[in-house]
């Protein structure tokens, strides 16, 4: 049996059950970076057809994922498929849209290796995407998680400017400590803490103290 025949056989095994899933089910051809299969649920959500998706090749990411998600998709798959990786699957939040300029929908997606060649190299990756609707169907905790995820992605370039000491002070500020307490804990002067706080505010541009603390939570300082 040829490689293409093995791939088609695997897809034929999946297809009868794929439309029972509440969200898109799709298969990446890892040789080309394109889509080899997508369930009808997914095709309807994206407003396309399977032949059209296959014709896009690796252009699928640029067309149907927001720019940031498109840039991150390759590294996610690379981490999963890297030689020696112990991960058979990875899960992450992502957005899919019907096209450029269209409103994107949040999904919780899980990707796993779906087929390997005779040498053990991955050929296909299977993705199951579950749609998340924060306003109507998602528990408040998950809605907050989505909100934090968006905040983190929007602010990570600002957070990256902080020095190790500034992150340390931000962590203590988020814990409710004042400048004097922080100075005593870090064995520095209160004036030095105040200078660091001024620098933190200049780099992060928080509109409120609550937003400043939000940086600490979003980037796992507390």
Protein backbone atom coordinates (compact mmCIF):
# COMPACT_ATOMS: atom_id res chain seq x y z
CA UNK A 1 0.00 0.00 0.00
CA UNK A 2 1.38 3.41 -0.97
CA UNK A 3 1.67 6.33 1.46
CA UNK A 4 -1.20 8.16 -0.25
CA UNK A 5 -3.36 5.04 0.00
CA UNK A 6 -2.59 4.71 3.72
CA UNK A 7 -3.51 8.36 4.24
CA UNK A 8 -6.81 7.97 2.38
CA UNK A 9 -7.61 4.81 4.31
CA UNK A 10 -7.05 6.64 7.59
CA UNK A 11 -9.27 9.53 6.51
CA UNK A 12 -11.98 7.10 5.36
CA UNK A 13 -11.95 5.56 8.85
CA UNK A 14 -12.43 8.98 10.44
CA UNK A 15 -15.00 10.58 8.14
CA UNK A 16 -18.15 8.61 9.13
CA UNK A 17 -17.85 9.76 12.76
CA UNK A 18 -16.36 13.23 12.28
CA UNK A 19 -19.66 15.09 11.83
CA UNK A 20 -20.93 13.85 15.18
CA UNK A 21 -18.46 16.17 16.90
CA UNK A 22 -19.86 19.61 17.86
CA UNK A 23 -16.94 21.47 16.29
CA UNK A 24 -14.58 21.16 13.32
CA UNK A 25 -12.51 18.02 12.91
CA UNK A 26 -9.63 18.33 10.47
CA UNK A 27 -6.51 16.50 9.38
CA UNK A 28 -3.23 18.20 8.49
CA UNK A 29 -1.00 16.66 5.85
CA UNK A 30 2.35 17.24 7.53
CA UNK A 31 4.23 16.77 4.28
CA UNK A 32 2.67 19.91 2.77
CA UNK A 33 1.35 21.82 5.79
CA UNK A 34 -2.09 21.79 4.18
CA UNK A 35 -5.47 20.31 5.05
CA UNK A 36 -6.15 16.74 3.91
CA UNK A 37 -9.65 16.50 5.41
CA UNK A 38 -12.22 18.59 7.29
CA UNK A 39 -15.61 17.58 8.63
CA UNK A 40 -18.74 19.18 7.20
CA UNK A 41 -19.24 21.05 10.48
CA UNK A 42 -15.90 22.74 9.93
CA UNK A 43 -16.46 23.40 6.24
CA UNK A 44 -19.79 25.06 7.05
CA UNK A 45 -18.24 27.19 9.79
CA UNK A 46 -15.54 28.40 7.40
CA UNK A 47 -17.87 28.72 4.41
CA UNK A 48 -15.70 26.60 2.14
CA UNK A 49 -15.33 23.15 0.55
CA UNK A 50 -12.78 20.40 0.99
CA UNK A 51 -11.34 20.77 -2.56
CA UNK A 52 -10.89 24.50 -1.93
CA UNK A 53 -9.10 23.82 1.37
CA UNK A 54 -6.81 21.27 -0.20
CA UNK A 55 -5.96 23.70 -2.99
CA UNK A 56 -4.83 26.28 -0.42
CA UNK A 57 -2.05 24.04 0.87
CA UNK A 58 -0.14 25.72 3.68
CA UNK A 59 -2.10 28.92 2.97
CA UNK A 60 -4.88 27.55 5.19
CA UNK A 61 -3.38 29.19 8.28
CA UNK A 62 -3.08 32.64 6.71
CA UNK A 63 -6.65 32.58 5.41
CA UNK A 64 -8.57 31.08 8.32
CA UNK A 65 -6.52 31.98 11.41
CA UNK A 66 -5.93 35.51 12.72
CA UNK A 67 -2.33 36.62 12.01
CA UNK A 68 -1.08 35.86 15.53
CA UNK A 69 -2.60 32.37 15.60
CA UNK A 70 -1.27 31.68 12.10
CA UNK A 71 2.25 32.57 13.24
CA UNK A 72 1.98 30.31 16.31
CA UNK A 73 0.42 27.32 14.60
CA UNK A 74 3.62 26.06 13.03
CA UNK A 75 5.66 26.15 16.27
CA UNK A 76 2.87 24.30 18.09
CA UNK A 77 2.95 21.48 15.58
CA UNK A 78 6.75 21.51 15.57
CA UNK A 79 6.80 21.01 19.34
CA UNK A 80 4.42 18.09 19.02
CA UNK A 81 6.30 16.48 16.18
CA UNK A 82 9.88 17.18 17.23
CA UNK A 83 12.14 14.08 17.34
CA UNK A 84 12.18 12.67 20.83
CA UNK A 85 9.03 14.52 21.88
CA UNK A 86 7.02 12.66 24.52
CA UNK A 87 3.81 14.45 23.59
CA UNK A 88 1.32 12.54 21.50
CA UNK A 89 -1.11 15.46 21.73
CA UNK A 90 -1.28 19.13 22.69
CA UNK A 91 -4.23 21.38 23.58
CA UNK A 92 -4.52 25.14 23.22
CA UNK A 93 -6.94 28.01 22.69
CA UNK A 94 -7.15 29.31 19.13
CA UNK A 95 -9.39 31.34 16.86
CA UNK A 96 -10.82 30.42 13.46
CA UNK A 97 -12.53 32.80 11.06
CA UNK A 98 -14.35 32.46 7.74
CA UNK A 99 -11.82 34.76 6.07
CA UNK A 100 -9.71 37.89 6.45
CA UNK A 101 -11.68 40.65 8.14
CA UNK A 102 -14.32 38.25 9.44
CA UNK A 103 -15.09 37.88 13.13
CA UNK A 104 -13.18 34.99 14.69
CA UNK A 105 -14.61 32.33 16.99
CA UNK A 106 -12.71 30.91 19.96
CA UNK A 107 -12.04 27.16 20.04
CA UNK A 108 -10.37 24.81 22.47
CA UNK A 109 -8.36 22.65 20.10
CA UNK A 110 -6.55 19.39 20.69
CA UNK A 111 -4.02 18.11 18.15
CA UNK A 112 -2.57 14.62 18.06
CA UNK A 113 -0.49 12.57 15.68
CA UNK A 114 -2.90 10.64 13.48
CA UNK A 115 -0.62 8.60 11.22
CA UNK A 116 3.08 7.81 10.96
CA UNK A 117 5.09 6.42 8.08
CA UNK A 118 7.05 3.16 8.16
CA UNK A 119 10.03 4.95 9.70
CA UNK A 120 7.91 6.41 12.50
CA UNK A 121 7.83 9.93 11.10
CA UNK A 122 4.49 11.77 11.48
CA UNK A 123 2.41 12.02 8.31
CA UNK A 124 -0.94 13.29 9.58
CA UNK A 125 -2.06 15.36 12.56
CA UNK A 126 -5.67 15.27 13.74
CA UNK A 127 -7.30 18.37 15.27
CA UNK A 128 -10.59 18.39 17.16
CA UNK A 129 -11.82 21.94 17.84
CA UNK A 130 -14.60 22.65 20.35
CA UNK A 131 -16.25 26.08 19.93
CA UNK A 132 -16.34 28.32 22.99
CA UNK A 133 -19.03 30.98 23.39
CA UNK A 134 -18.17 33.06 26.47
CA UNK A 135 -21.42 35.02 26.55
CA UNK A 136 -23.82 32.11 26.42
CA UNK A 137 -22.32 28.66 26.78
CA UNK A 138 -19.05 28.91 28.70
CA UNK A 139 -18.77 28.90 32.46
CA UNK A 140 -17.63 32.23 33.95
CA UNK A 141 -14.26 30.76 34.94
CA UNK A 142 -13.54 29.76 31.33
CA UNK A 143 -14.72 33.17 30.10
CA UNK A 144 -12.21 34.79 32.47
CA UNK A 145 -9.53 32.46 31.17
CA UNK A 146 -10.25 33.56 27.61
CA UNK A 147 -10.15 37.19 28.68
CA UNK A 148 -6.80 36.65 30.41
CA UNK A 149 -5.47 34.86 27.35
CA UNK A 150 -6.36 37.83 25.14
CA UNK A 151 -4.83 40.28 27.64
CA UNK A 152 -1.60 38.28 27.78
CA UNK A 153 -1.22 38.19 24.02
CA UNK A 154 -1.96 41.90 23.68
CA UNK A 155 0.45 42.94 26.44
CA UNK A 156 3.33 40.48 26.18
CA UNK A 157 5.58 42.89 24.27
CA UNK A 158 5.18 45.41 27.10
CA UNK A 159 5.78 42.80 29.80
CA UNK A 160 8.93 41.61 28.02
CA UNK A 161 10.53 45.01 28.68
CA UNK A 162 10.56 44.47 32.45
CA UNK A 163 13.82 43.53 34.13
CA UNK A 164 14.06 40.63 36.55
CA UNK A 165 13.96 43.03 39.51
CA UNK A 166 10.96 44.90 38.10
CA UNK A 167 9.07 41.62 37.70
CA UNK A 168 9.94 40.73 41.27
CA UNK A 169 8.56 44.04 42.53
CA UNK A 170 5.45 43.71 40.35
CA UNK A 171 4.86 40.32 41.94
CA UNK A 172 5.03 41.79 45.43
CA UNK A 173 2.80 44.72 44.48
CA UNK A 174 0.19 42.26 43.21
CA UNK A 175 0.32 40.59 46.61
CA UNK A 176 -0.78 43.90 48.16
CA UNK A 177 2.56 44.96 49.64
CA UNK A 178 3.60 48.62 49.82
CA UNK A 179 6.97 50.16 49.02
CA UNK A 180 8.27 49.95 52.58
CA UNK A 181 7.36 46.26 52.91
CA UNK A 182 8.92 45.48 49.54
CA UNK A 183 12.10 47.36 50.47
CA UNK A 184 12.43 45.39 53.71
CA UNK A 185 11.84 42.08 51.96
CA UNK A 186 14.35 42.76 49.16
CA UNK A 187 16.92 44.56 51.36
CA UNK A 188 16.82 47.71 49.26
CA UNK A 189 15.75 51.27 50.05
CA UNK A 190 12.17 52.46 49.76
CA UNK A 191 13.35 55.12 47.28
CA UNK A 192 14.78 52.36 45.07
CA UNK A 193 11.42 50.57 45.14
CA UNK A 194 9.67 53.80 44.19
CA UNK A 195 12.05 54.21 41.24
CA UNK A 196 11.34 50.67 40.10
CA UNK A 197 7.59 51.27 40.42
CA UNK A 198 7.93 54.39 38.28
CA UNK A 199 9.82 52.40 35.64
CA UNK A 200 7.23 49.61 35.71
CA UNK A 201 4.42 52.10 35.12
CA UNK A 202 6.36 53.75 32.30
CA UNK A 203 6.82 50.39 30.54
CA UNK A 204 3.38 48.83 31.11
CA UNK A 205 1.20 51.97 30.90
CA UNK A 206 -1.48 50.60 33.26
CA UNK A 207 -4.63 52.69 33.44
CA UNK A 208 -5.40 51.54 36.98
CA UNK A 209 -3.73 49.64 39.82
CA UNK A 210 -6.05 46.76 39.02
CA UNK A 211 -4.62 46.53 35.51
CA UNK A 212 -1.11 46.62 36.94
CA UNK A 213 -1.93 43.62 39.14
CA UNK A 214 -3.51 41.95 36.14
CA UNK A 215 -0.11 41.81 34.47
CA UNK A 216 1.20 39.79 37.41
CA UNK A 217 -1.65 37.28 37.15
CA UNK A 218 -1.58 37.03 33.36
CA UNK A 219 2.16 36.30 33.29
CA UNK A 220 2.14 33.83 36.20
CA UNK A 221 3.94 35.99 38.75
CA UNK A 222 1.28 35.15 41.34
